[in-house]
C-alpha atoms as a PDB file:
ATOM      1  CA  MET A   1      10.520   4.119 -11.830  1.00  0.00           C
ATOM      2  CA  ASP A   2       8.834   3.509 -15.161  1.00  0.00           C
ATOM      3  CA  LEU A   3       5.058   3.510 -15.218  1.00  0.00           C
ATOM      4  CA  PRO A   4       2.984   1.894 -17.983  1.00  0.00           C
ATOM      5  CA  ASP A   5       1.581   4.148 -20.719  1.00  0.00           C
ATOM      6  CA  SER A   6      -1.938   3.719 -19.307  1.00  0.00           C
ATOM      7  CA  LEU A   7      -0.700   5.607 -16.228  1.00  0.00           C
ATOM      8  CA  SER A   8       1.162   8.417 -17.967  1.00  0.00           C
ATOM      9  CA  THR A   9      -1.541  10.913 -16.937  1.00  0.00           C
ATOM     10  CA  LEU A  10      -3.056  10.581 -13.480  1.00  0.00           C
ATOM     11  CA  HIS A  11      -5.535  12.259 -11.208  1.00  0.00           C
ATOM     12  CA  VAL A  12      -5.067  11.703  -7.460  1.00  0.00           C
ATOM     13  CA  LYS A  13      -8.101  11.795  -5.153  1.00  0.00           C
ATOM     14  CA  ALA A  14      -7.135  11.761  -1.482  1.00  0.00           C
ATOM     15  CA  PRO A  15      -8.739  12.882   1.784  1.00  0.00           C
ATOM     16  CA  GLN A  16      -5.453  14.331   3.063  1.00  0.00           C
ATOM     17  CA  VAL A  17      -3.835  17.176   1.167  1.00  0.00           C
ATOM     18  CA  GLU A  18      -0.351  16.236   2.370  1.00  0.00           C
ATOM     19  CA  LEU A  19      -0.655  12.648   1.131  1.00  0.00           C
ATOM     20  CA  ARG A  20      -2.120  13.776  -2.184  1.00  0.00           C
ATOM     21  CA  ASP A  21       0.732  16.240  -2.672  1.00  0.00           C
ATOM     22  CA  ASP A  22       3.448  13.740  -1.701  1.00  0.00           C
ATOM     23  CA  LEU A  23       2.019  11.080  -4.010  1.00  0.00           C
ATOM     24  CA  SER A  24       1.620  13.613  -6.834  1.00  0.00           C
ATOM     25  CA  ASN A  25       5.246  14.703  -6.429  1.00  0.00           C
ATOM     26  CA  ALA A  26       6.444  11.090  -6.495  1.00  0.00           C
ATOM     27  CA  LEU A  27       4.388  10.414  -9.628  1.00  0.00           C
ATOM     28  CA  GLU A  28       5.759  13.500 -11.376  1.00  0.00           C
ATOM     29  CA  THR A  29       9.310  12.524 -10.425  1.00  0.00           C
ATOM     30  CA  SER A  30       8.700   9.156 -12.091  1.00  0.00           C
ATOM     31  CA  GLY A  31       7.658  10.925 -15.300  1.00  0.00           C
ATOM     32  CA  ALA A  32       3.870  10.916 -15.001  1.00  0.00           C
ATOM     33  CA  THR A  33       1.704  13.959 -15.577  1.00  0.00           C
ATOM     34  CA  VAL A  34      -0.590  14.684 -12.641  1.00  0.00           C
ATOM     35  CA  VAL A  35      -3.780  16.631 -13.350  1.00  0.00           C
ATOM     36  CA  ASN A  36      -6.007  18.421 -10.840  1.00  0.00           C
ATOM     37  CA  HIS A  37      -9.236  17.005 -12.276  1.00  0.00           C
ATOM     38  CA  ALA A  38      -9.961  13.732 -14.044  1.00  0.00           C
ATOM     39  CA  THR A  39      -9.773  14.045 -17.816  1.00  0.00           C
ATOM     40  CA  ALA A  40     -10.768  11.822 -20.732  1.00  0.00           C
ATOM     41  CA  ASP A  41      -7.270  10.319 -20.839  1.00  0.00           C
ATOM     42  CA  SER A  42      -6.307  10.243 -17.152  1.00  0.00           C
ATOM     43  CA  ALA A  43      -6.286   7.278 -14.831  1.00  0.00           C
ATOM     44  CA  THR A  44      -7.448   7.960 -11.276  1.00  0.00           C
ATOM     45  CA  ILE A  45      -5.820   6.892  -8.042  1.00  0.00           C
ATOM     46  CA  SER A  46      -8.434   6.996  -5.294  1.00  0.00           C
ATOM     47  CA  ILE A  47      -7.155   7.058  -1.736  1.00  0.00           C
ATOM     48  CA  ASP A  48     -10.204   5.775   0.115  1.00  0.00           C
ATOM     49  CA  ARG A  49      -8.665   5.813   3.576  1.00  0.00           C
ATOM     50  CA  ALA A  50      -5.491   7.194   5.106  1.00  0.00           C
ATOM     51  CA  GLN A  51      -5.158   6.725   8.835  1.00  0.00           C
ATOM     52  CA  TYR A  52      -2.304   7.211  11.254  1.00  0.00           C
ATOM     53  CA  ARG A  53      -2.175   5.048  14.341  1.00  0.00           C
ATOM     54  CA  ARG A  54       0.244   4.656  17.190  1.00  0.00           C
ATOM     55  CA  GLU A  55       1.072   1.639  19.332  1.00  0.00           C
ATOM     56  CA  VAL A  56       3.123   1.560  22.510  1.00  0.00           C
ATOM     57  CA  ARG A  57       6.443  -0.172  21.914  1.00  0.00           C
ATOM     58  CA  THR A  58       8.182   0.246  25.288  1.00  0.00           C
ATOM     59  CA  VAL A  59       7.367   1.419  28.804  1.00  0.00           C
ATOM     60  CA  ASP A  60       9.609   2.526  31.663  1.00  0.00           C
ATOM     61  CA  GLU A  61       9.688   1.176  35.203  1.00  0.00           C
ATOM     62  CA  ARG A  62       6.794   3.505  36.141  1.00  0.00           C
ATOM     63  CA  GLY A  63       4.603   2.138  33.378  1.00  0.00           C
ATOM     64  CA  LYS A  64       4.957   5.295  31.253  1.00  0.00           C
ATOM     65  CA  SER A  65       5.265   4.937  27.495  1.00  0.00           C
ATOM     66  CA  THR A  66       8.787   5.596  26.252  1.00  0.00           C
ATOM     67  CA  GLY A  67       8.596   4.234  22.738  1.00  0.00           C
ATOM     68  CA  TYR A  68       5.972   4.041  20.038  1.00  0.00           C
ATOM     69  CA  ILE A  69       5.403   2.578  16.634  1.00  0.00           C
ATOM     70  CA  LEU A  70       3.702   5.027  14.295  1.00  0.00           C
ATOM     71  CA  PHE A  71       1.769   3.540  11.365  1.00  0.00           C
ATOM     72  CA  LEU A  72       0.135   4.962   8.265  1.00  0.00           C
ATOM     73  CA  ASP A  73      -2.485   2.681   6.695  1.00  0.00           C
ATOM     74  CA  VAL A  74      -3.649   3.652   3.220  1.00  0.00           C
ATOM     75  CA  ASP A  75      -6.390   1.980   1.173  1.00  0.00           C
ATOM     76  CA  TYR A  76      -6.362   2.850  -2.521  1.00  0.00           C
ATOM     77  CA  SER A  77      -7.542   1.708  -5.924  1.00  0.00           C
ATOM     78  CA  VAL A  78      -6.793   2.718  -9.493  1.00  0.00           C
ATOM     79  CA  ILE A  79      -9.053   2.948 -12.536  1.00  0.00           C
ATOM     80  CA  ASP A  80      -8.101   3.862 -16.073  1.00  0.00           C
ATOM     81  CA  SER A  81      -9.681   6.607 -18.159  1.00  0.00           C
ATOM     82  CA  LYS A  82     -12.474   4.245 -19.273  1.00  0.00           C
ATOM     83  CA  GLY A  83     -13.364   3.213 -15.711  1.00  0.00           C
ATOM     84  CA  VAL A  84     -11.670  -0.184 -15.901  1.00  0.00           C
ATOM     85  CA  THR A  85     -10.103  -1.251 -12.612  1.00  0.00           C
ATOM     86  CA  LEU A  86      -6.321  -1.480 -12.867  1.00  0.00           C
ATOM     87  CA  VAL A  87      -5.648  -1.998  -9.151  1.00  0.00           C
ATOM     88  CA  ASP A  88      -8.357  -3.395  -6.893  1.00  0.00           C
ATOM     89  CA  LYS A  89      -8.707  -1.865  -3.454  1.00  0.00           C
ATOM     90  CA  THR A  90      -5.340  -2.421  -1.811  1.00  0.00           C
ATOM     91  CA  ARG A  91      -3.937  -1.554   1.590  1.00  0.00           C
ATOM     92  CA  THR A  92      -0.375  -0.462   2.107  1.00  0.00           C
ATOM     93  CA  THR A  93       1.090   0.235   5.518  1.00  0.00           C
ATOM     94  CA  ALA A  94       4.250   2.070   6.495  1.00  0.00           C
ATOM     95  CA  ARG A  95       5.694   2.155  10.001  1.00  0.00           C
ATOM     96  CA  ARG A  96       8.317   3.968  12.029  1.00  0.00           C
ATOM     97  CA  ASP A  97       9.570   3.384  15.568  1.00  0.00           C
ATOM     98  CA  TYR A  98      10.435   6.263  17.831  1.00  0.00           C
ATOM     99  CA  THR A  99      11.412   6.946  21.412  1.00  0.00           C
ATOM    100  CA  PHE A 100       9.494   9.434  23.502  1.00  0.00           C
ATOM    101  CA  ASP A 101      10.951  11.553  26.307  1.00  0.00           C
ATOM    102  CA  GLU A 102       8.134  13.187  28.276  1.00  0.00           C
ATOM    103  CA  THR A 103      10.500  15.952  29.435  1.00  0.00           C
ATOM    104  CA  GLN A 104      10.948  17.058  25.819  1.00  0.00           C
ATOM    105  CA  ALA A 105       7.375  17.216  24.578  1.00  0.00           C
ATOM    106  CA  LEU A 106       8.066  19.824  21.864  1.00  0.00           C
ATOM    107  CA  VAL A 107      10.932  17.781  20.463  1.00  0.00           C
ATOM    108  CA  ALA A 108       8.750  14.672  20.475  1.00  0.00           C
ATOM    109  CA  GLN A 109       5.963  16.537  18.685  1.00  0.00           C
ATOM    110  CA  ARG A 110       8.343  17.690  15.942  1.00  0.00           C
ATOM    111  CA  GLN A 111       9.818  14.195  15.721  1.00  0.00           C
ATOM    112  CA  GLU A 112       6.351  12.758  15.125  1.00  0.00           C
ATOM    113  CA  GLU A 113       5.666  15.362  12.408  1.00  0.00           C
ATOM    114  CA  ILE A 114       8.882  14.345  10.642  1.00  0.00           C
ATOM    115  CA  LEU A 115       7.975  10.668  10.960  1.00  0.00           C
ATOM    116  CA  ARG A 116       4.538  11.340   9.457  1.00  0.00           C
ATOM    117  CA  GLU A 117       6.244  13.003   6.474  1.00  0.00           C
ATOM    118  CA  GLU A 118       8.488   9.953   6.085  1.00  0.00           C
ATOM    119  CA  LEU A 119       5.495   7.616   6.329  1.00  0.00           C
ATOM    120  CA  ARG A 120       3.723   9.513   3.539  1.00  0.00           C
ATOM    121  CA  GLU A 121       6.857   9.240   1.392  1.00  0.00           C
ATOM    122  CA  ASP A 122       7.111   5.490   2.120  1.00  0.00           C
ATOM    123  CA  VAL A 123       3.463   4.932   1.211  1.00  0.00           C
ATOM    124  CA  SER A 124       3.866   6.990  -1.966  1.00  0.00           C
ATOM    125  CA  GLN A 125       6.844   4.854  -3.011  1.00  0.00           C
ATOM    126  CA  ALA A 126       4.931   1.640  -2.239  1.00  0.00           C
ATOM    127  CA  ILE A 127       2.056   2.835  -4.434  1.00  0.00           C
ATOM    128  CA  LEU A 128       4.508   3.706  -7.228  1.00  0.00           C
ATOM    129  CA  ARG A 129       6.032   0.222  -7.059  1.00  0.00           C
ATOM    130  CA  ARG A 130       2.545  -1.279  -7.346  1.00  0.00           C
ATOM    131  CA  LEU A 131       1.666   0.973 -10.279  1.00  0.00           C
ATOM    132  CA  ALA A 132       4.848  -0.060 -12.089  1.00  0.00           C
ATOM    133  CA  ARG A 133       3.497  -3.639 -12.132  1.00  0.00           C
ATOM    134  CA  VAL A 134       0.194  -2.693 -13.813  1.00  0.00           C
ATOM    135  CA  LYS A 135      -0.165  -4.343 -17.210  1.00  0.00           C
END
């Protein structure tokens, strides 16, 4: 995905290391240079909020949850190297459905970890698509 020249060098500020790393990797794959600290020529992506949430999707005949929807909500904004806003505060949300079997708690825990990784990748790609539209 081609990014505009104003976003060729980026600094990513994020409260979660995993999200920062996933977004940085996606940016580098798209050809951008990601720097650890803001520089005179780097734009900055600020992740202001990244929150996972879970909603019950299905219940069994005993009223126990058997399916969930896992969400990742991310609020972010982007400024260029001169402090000019390129992307106003924006929210992107990714979601995944999964089934839960209470007799296999360890499997379910690992499944949720994998889904969280996928959600971070989805959010990173959504942010990249938005950045590609910056003028």
